[in-house]
Amino acid sequence: MSEIRVASRYAKSLIELAQEKGVLEQVNEDMKLFTKVASQNRDLHLLLRNPIVKSDKKMAVLNAVFKGKMNDLTLAFFNIVARKNRESLLEFIATEFKSQYNVYKGIKEASVTTAVPLTPALRNELGQRLAVQTGHSIELEEKIDPSLIGGFVLRVGDQQIDSSVKYNLNKLRNKFKDNPYINKL
């Protein structure tokens, strides 16, 4: 079975269990923490993927890193996944958990790339306008790319709005390549 399908089933089970226990928000924060730590720490990523290291050693490392920082339900879930020898899927499960959590809560992810950081007022206004347009609450991710020169690139779902100076200059450059003023004989 593919990793994504298995991860999706585990994530769905974790969401349902967390809802039942009334700790969904805490488990969501735990999964964000796990994703952040795993993405920043290459050794943890490699350890989870290593088939030579036994599951109990991997679980001991996870307990050492996350004990006291995560909800007991999340740690128990990690333990169950490790007992099934599927700890290599934990990163996929965390990603899938985030996707399913966002669907459950009605949250859409949006990404805005600008040349300079947005001011808090502008970030709030953009979030509010997107929420009104989409009808969902928005989780806005901000990226900085100085090569845009000015303007922004906004992505919501599969839609993109590119209103950057770089894009407009490239469009203008392409128009000048097809010089309509030269008489073609």
C-alpha atoms as a PDB file:
ATOM      1  CA  MET A   1       0.000   0.000   0.000  1.00  0.00           C
ATOM      2  CA  SER A   2       1.308   3.457  -0.783  1.00  0.00           C
ATOM      3  CA  GLU A   3       2.761   5.605   1.982  1.00  0.00           C
ATOM      4  CA  ILE A   4       0.193   8.350   1.487  1.00  0.00           C
ATOM      5  CA  ARG A   5      -2.791   6.001   1.801  1.00  0.00           C
ATOM      6  CA  VAL A   6      -1.427   4.438   4.977  1.00  0.00           C
ATOM      7  CA  ALA A   7      -0.538   7.856   6.400  1.00  0.00           C
ATOM      8  CA  SER A   8      -4.018   9.109   5.559  1.00  0.00           C
ATOM      9  CA  ARG A   9      -5.636   6.261   7.503  1.00  0.00           C
ATOM     10  CA  TYR A  10      -3.400   6.785  10.529  1.00  0.00           C
ATOM     11  CA  ALA A  11      -4.038  10.549  10.448  1.00  0.00           C
ATOM     12  CA  LYS A  12      -7.794  10.031  10.238  1.00  0.00           C
ATOM     13  CA  SER A  13      -7.670   7.667  13.206  1.00  0.00           C
ATOM     14  CA  LEU A  14      -5.628  10.152  15.230  1.00  0.00           C
ATOM     15  CA  ILE A  15      -8.043  12.994  14.451  1.00  0.00           C
ATOM     16  CA  GLU A  16     -11.041  10.890  15.470  1.00  0.00           C
ATOM     17  CA  LEU A  17      -9.363   9.757  18.690  1.00  0.00           C
ATOM     18  CA  ALA A  18      -8.262  13.296  19.570  1.00  0.00           C
ATOM     19  CA  GLN A  19     -11.813  14.576  18.965  1.00  0.00           C
ATOM     20  CA  GLU A  20     -13.210  11.840  21.181  1.00  0.00           C
ATOM     21  CA  LYS A  21     -10.777  12.720  23.988  1.00  0.00           C
ATOM     22  CA  GLY A  22     -11.277  16.485  23.483  1.00  0.00           C
ATOM     23  CA  VAL A  23      -7.602  17.258  22.799  1.00  0.00           C
ATOM     24  CA  LEU A  24      -7.673  17.912  19.045  1.00  0.00           C
ATOM     25  CA  GLU A  25      -6.043  21.347  19.289  1.00  0.00           C
ATOM     26  CA  GLN A  26      -3.209  20.016  21.468  1.00  0.00           C
ATOM     27  CA  VAL A  27      -2.574  17.100  19.107  1.00  0.00           C
ATOM     28  CA  ASN A  28      -2.542  19.531  16.179  1.00  0.00           C
ATOM     29  CA  GLU A  29       0.148  21.592  17.927  1.00  0.00           C
ATOM     30  CA  ASP A  30       2.064  18.376  18.673  1.00  0.00           C
ATOM     31  CA  MET A  31       2.029  17.359  15.017  1.00  0.00           C
ATOM     32  CA  LYS A  32       3.220  20.844  14.016  1.00  0.00           C
ATOM     33  CA  LEU A  33       6.064  20.525  16.523  1.00  0.00           C
ATOM     34  CA  PHE A  34       6.975  17.070  15.213  1.00  0.00           C
ATOM     35  CA  THR A  35       6.978  18.318  11.594  1.00  0.00           C
ATOM     36  CA  LYS A  36       9.157  21.298  12.524  1.00  0.00           C
ATOM     37  CA  VAL A  37      11.674  19.193  14.469  1.00  0.00           C
ATOM     38  CA  ALA A  38      11.828  16.466  11.806  1.00  0.00           C
ATOM     39  CA  SER A  39      12.324  18.973   8.984  1.00  0.00           C
ATOM     40  CA  GLN A  40      15.080  20.854  10.847  1.00  0.00           C
ATOM     41  CA  ASN A  41      16.901  17.791  12.156  1.00  0.00           C
ATOM     42  CA  ARG A  42      18.329  15.592   9.418  1.00  0.00           C
ATOM     43  CA  ASP A  43      19.532  12.976  11.936  1.00  0.00           C
ATOM     44  CA  LEU A  44      16.001  12.401  13.254  1.00  0.00           C
ATOM     45  CA  HIS A  45      14.690  12.136   9.702  1.00  0.00           C
ATOM     46  CA  LEU A  46      17.361   9.558   8.813  1.00  0.00           C
ATOM     47  CA  LEU A  47      16.826   7.637  12.055  1.00  0.00           C
ATOM     48  CA  LEU A  48      13.105   7.251  11.390  1.00  0.00           C
ATOM     49  CA  ARG A  49      13.779   6.013   7.870  1.00  0.00           C
ATOM     50  CA  ASN A  50      16.624   3.617   8.826  1.00  0.00           C
ATOM     51  CA  PRO A  51      15.441  -0.017   8.625  1.00  0.00           C
ATOM     52  CA  ILE A  52      18.466  -1.306  10.588  1.00  0.00           C
ATOM     53  CA  VAL A  53      17.639   0.558  13.812  1.00  0.00           C
ATOM     54  CA  LYS A  54      15.055  -1.319  15.862  1.00  0.00           C
ATOM     55  CA  SER A  55      11.673   0.227  16.619  1.00  0.00           C
ATOM     56  CA  ASP A  56      12.248   0.308  20.380  1.00  0.00           C
ATOM     57  CA  LYS A  57      15.417   2.395  19.895  1.00  0.00           C
ATOM     58  CA  LYS A  58      13.537   4.797  17.616  1.00  0.00           C
ATOM     59  CA  MET A  59      10.745   5.082  20.170  1.00  0.00           C
ATOM     60  CA  ALA A  60      13.281   5.744  22.919  1.00  0.00           C
ATOM     61  CA  VAL A  61      14.687   8.632  20.865  1.00  0.00           C
ATOM     62  CA  LEU A  62      11.195  10.014  20.188  1.00  0.00           C
ATOM     63  CA  ASN A  63      10.358   9.794  23.900  1.00  0.00           C
ATOM     64  CA  ALA A  64      13.628  11.507  24.845  1.00  0.00           C
ATOM     65  CA  VAL A  65      12.996  14.342  22.400  1.00  0.00           C
ATOM     66  CA  PHE A  66       9.257  14.884  22.876  1.00  0.00           C
ATOM     67  CA  LYS A  67       8.407  13.666  26.405  1.00  0.00           C
ATOM     68  CA  GLY A  68       6.936  16.569  28.376  1.00  0.00           C
ATOM     69  CA  LYS A  69       6.521  18.681  25.237  1.00  0.00           C
ATOM     70  CA  MET A  70       3.644  16.677  23.737  1.00  0.00           C
ATOM     71  CA  ASN A  71       0.307  15.377  24.860  1.00  0.00           C
ATOM     72  CA  ASP A  72       0.293  11.806  26.188  1.00  0.00           C
ATOM     73  CA  LEU A  73      -2.150  10.815  23.443  1.00  0.00           C
ATOM     74  CA  THR A  74       0.319  11.874  20.744  1.00  0.00           C
ATOM     75  CA  LEU A  75       3.165   9.949  22.363  1.00  0.00           C
ATOM     76  CA  ALA A  76       0.941   6.887  22.728  1.00  0.00           C
ATOM     77  CA  PHE A  77       0.063   7.201  19.025  1.00  0.00           C
ATOM     78  CA  PHE A  78       3.773   7.357  18.144  1.00  0.00           C
ATOM     79  CA  ASN A  79       4.270   4.233  20.248  1.00  0.00           C
ATOM     80  CA  ILE A  80       1.520   2.360  18.387  1.00  0.00           C
ATOM     81  CA  VAL A  81       2.975   3.351  15.025  1.00  0.00           C
ATOM     82  CA  ALA A  82       6.442   2.235  16.176  1.00  0.00           C
ATOM     83  CA  ARG A  83       5.117  -1.132  17.394  1.00  0.00           C
ATOM     84  CA  LYS A  84       3.706  -1.694  13.900  1.00  0.00           C
ATOM     85  CA  ASN A  85       7.173  -0.901  12.418  1.00  0.00           C
ATOM     86  CA  ARG A  86       5.779   2.106  10.567  1.00  0.00           C
ATOM     87  CA  GLU A  87       7.784   4.884  12.219  1.00  0.00           C
ATOM     88  CA  SER A  88       9.201   5.804   8.812  1.00  0.00           C
ATOM     89  CA  LEU A  89       5.683   7.039   7.980  1.00  0.00           C
ATOM     90  CA  LEU A  90       5.459   9.486  10.883  1.00  0.00           C
ATOM     91  CA  GLU A  91       6.442  12.466   8.730  1.00  0.00           C
ATOM     92  CA  PHE A  92       3.827  11.533   6.122  1.00  0.00           C
ATOM     93  CA  ILE A  93       1.254  11.032   8.881  1.00  0.00           C
ATOM     94  CA  ALA A  94       2.020  14.506  10.295  1.00  0.00           C
ATOM     95  CA  THR A  95       1.596  16.082   6.854  1.00  0.00           C
ATOM     96  CA  GLU A  96      -1.627  14.218   6.193  1.00  0.00           C
ATOM     97  CA  PHE A  97      -2.877  15.097   9.685  1.00  0.00           C
ATOM     98  CA  LYS A  98      -2.413  18.788   8.891  1.00  0.00           C
ATOM     99  CA  SER A  99      -4.344  18.431   5.622  1.00  0.00           C
ATOM    100  CA  GLN A 100      -7.236  16.556   7.236  1.00  0.00           C
ATOM    101  CA  TYR A 101      -7.304  18.930  10.207  1.00  0.00           C
ATOM    102  CA  ASN A 102      -7.566  21.907   7.843  1.00  0.00           C
ATOM    103  CA  VAL A 103     -10.455  20.264   5.968  1.00  0.00           C
ATOM    104  CA  TYR A 104     -12.202  19.464   9.247  1.00  0.00           C
ATOM    105  CA  LYS A 105     -11.814  23.034  10.547  1.00  0.00           C
ATOM    106  CA  GLY A 106     -12.559  24.712   7.186  1.00  0.00           C
ATOM    107  CA  ILE A 107      -9.111  26.260   6.854  1.00  0.00           C
ATOM    108  CA  LYS A 108      -7.531  27.033   3.496  1.00  0.00           C
ATOM    109  CA  GLU A 109      -3.803  27.489   3.148  1.00  0.00           C
ATOM    110  CA  ALA A 110      -2.545  30.511   1.270  1.00  0.00           C
ATOM    111  CA  SER A 111       0.993  31.522   0.420  1.00  0.00           C
ATOM    112  CA  VAL A 112       2.110  35.062  -0.316  1.00  0.00           C
ATOM    113  CA  THR A 113       5.579  35.829  -1.629  1.00  0.00           C
ATOM    114  CA  THR A 114       6.790  39.426  -1.452  1.00  0.00           C
ATOM    115  CA  ALA A 115      10.038  41.319  -1.939  1.00  0.00           C
ATOM    116  CA  VAL A 116       9.933  42.733   1.601  1.00  0.00           C
ATOM    117  CA  PRO A 117       8.176  41.487   4.771  1.00  0.00           C
ATOM    118  CA  LEU A 118       4.496  42.393   5.117  1.00  0.00           C
ATOM    119  CA  THR A 119       3.448  44.736   7.891  1.00  0.00           C
ATOM    120  CA  PRO A 120       1.096  43.198  10.467  1.00  0.00           C
ATOM    121  CA  ALA A 121      -1.752  45.474   9.303  1.00  0.00           C
ATOM    122  CA  LEU A 122      -1.281  44.446   5.660  1.00  0.00           C
ATOM    123  CA  ARG A 123      -1.053  40.756   6.634  1.00  0.00           C
ATOM    124  CA  ASN A 124      -4.333  41.025   8.580  1.00  0.00           C
ATOM    125  CA  GLU A 125      -6.078  42.874   5.751  1.00  0.00           C
ATOM    126  CA  LEU A 126      -4.928  40.287   3.201  1.00  0.00           C
ATOM    127  CA  GLY A 127      -6.096  37.447   5.458  1.00  0.00           C
ATOM    128  CA  GLN A 128      -9.506  39.084   5.941  1.00  0.00           C
ATOM    129  CA  ARG A 129     -10.010  39.719   2.214  1.00  0.00           C
ATOM    130  CA  LEU A 130      -9.067  36.148   1.352  1.00  0.00           C
ATOM    131  CA  ALA A 131     -11.421  34.836   4.038  1.00  0.00           C
ATOM    132  CA  VAL A 132     -14.283  36.873   2.574  1.00  0.00           C
ATOM    133  CA  GLN A 133     -13.502  35.749  -1.006  1.00  0.00           C
ATOM    134  CA  THR A 134     -13.035  32.052  -0.243  1.00  0.00           C
ATOM    135  CA  GLY A 135     -15.574  31.687   2.542  1.00  0.00           C
ATOM    136  CA  HIS A 136     -12.984  29.817   4.638  1.00  0.00           C
ATOM    137  CA  SER A 137     -10.628  30.925   7.346  1.00  0.00           C
ATOM    138  CA  ILE A 138      -7.129  31.411   5.961  1.00  0.00           C
ATOM    139  CA  GLU A 139      -3.763  30.179   7.200  1.00  0.00           C
ATOM    140  CA  LEU A 140      -1.322  32.570   5.545  1.00  0.00           C
ATOM    141  CA  GLU A 141       2.273  31.559   4.923  1.00  0.00           C
ATOM    142  CA  GLU A 142       4.616  34.407   4.109  1.00  0.00           C
ATOM    143  CA  LYS A 143       7.762  34.046   1.997  1.00  0.00           C
ATOM    144  CA  ILE A 144      10.345  36.654   1.092  1.00  0.00           C
ATOM    145  CA  ASP A 145      11.934  36.747  -2.383  1.00  0.00           C
ATOM    146  CA  PRO A 146      13.921  39.937  -3.132  1.00  0.00           C
ATOM    147  CA  SER A 147      14.127  38.997  -6.830  1.00  0.00           C
ATOM    148  CA  LEU A 148      10.433  39.984  -7.204  1.00  0.00           C
ATOM    149  CA  ILE A 149      11.566  43.646  -6.893  1.00  0.00           C
ATOM    150  CA  GLY A 150       8.055  44.651  -5.763  1.00  0.00           C
ATOM    151  CA  GLY A 151       4.459  43.443  -5.706  1.00  0.00           C
ATOM    152  CA  PHE A 152       3.441  39.935  -4.654  1.00  0.00           C
ATOM    153  CA  VAL A 153       2.677  36.389  -5.741  1.00  0.00           C
ATOM    154  CA  LEU A 154      -0.379  34.927  -4.025  1.00  0.00           C
ATOM    155  CA  ARG A 155      -1.306  31.233  -4.089  1.00  0.00           C
ATOM    156  CA  VAL A 156      -4.576  29.899  -2.698  1.00  0.00           C
ATOM    157  CA  GLY A 157      -5.170  26.239  -3.440  1.00  0.00           C
ATOM    158  CA  ASP A 158      -4.471  25.736  -7.125  1.00  0.00           C
ATOM    159  CA  GLN A 159      -4.920  29.400  -8.078  1.00  0.00           C
ATOM    160  CA  GLN A 160      -2.066  31.872  -8.398  1.00  0.00           C
ATOM    161  CA  ILE A 161      -2.083  35.633  -8.782  1.00  0.00           C
ATOM    162  CA  ASP A 162       1.260  37.050  -9.873  1.00  0.00           C
ATOM    163  CA  SER A 163       1.321  40.802  -9.505  1.00  0.00           C
ATOM    164  CA  SER A 164       5.063  41.204  -9.108  1.00  0.00           C
ATOM    165  CA  VAL A 165       7.288  43.708 -10.853  1.00  0.00           C
ATOM    166  CA  LYS A 166       9.508  40.853 -12.044  1.00  0.00           C
ATOM    167  CA  TYR A 167       6.554  39.158 -13.805  1.00  0.00           C
ATOM    168  CA  ASN A 168       5.419  42.416 -15.420  1.00  0.00           C
ATOM    169  CA  LEU A 169       8.957  43.181 -16.628  1.00  0.00           C
ATOM    170  CA  ASN A 170       9.205  39.693 -18.161  1.00  0.00           C
ATOM    171  CA  LYS A 171       5.850  40.215 -19.899  1.00  0.00           C
ATOM    172  CA  LEU A 172       7.065  43.548 -21.255  1.00  0.00           C
ATOM    173  CA  ARG A 173      10.341  41.972 -22.424  1.00  0.00           C
ATOM    174  CA  ASN A 174       8.405  39.318 -24.338  1.00  0.00           C
ATOM    175  CA  LYS A 175       6.249  41.971 -25.997  1.00  0.00           C
ATOM    176  CA  PHE A 176       9.343  43.799 -27.200  1.00  0.00           C
ATOM    177  CA  LYS A 177      10.735  40.579 -28.681  1.00  0.00           C
ATOM    178  CA  ASP A 178       7.763  40.580 -31.020  1.00  0.00           C
ATOM    179  CA  ASN A 179       8.356  44.112 -32.224  1.00  0.00           C
ATOM    180  CA  PRO A 180       5.148  45.082 -34.047  1.00  0.00           C
ATOM    181  CA  TYR A 181       6.757  48.248 -35.416  1.00  0.00           C
ATOM    182  CA  ILE A 182       9.162  46.461 -37.729  1.00  0.00           C
ATOM    183  CA  ASN A 183       7.651  46.005 -41.148  1.00  0.00           C
ATOM    184  CA  LYS A 184       7.930  42.372 -42.069  1.00  0.00           C
ATOM    185  CA  LEU A 185       8.686  41.985 -45.763  1.00  0.00           C
END
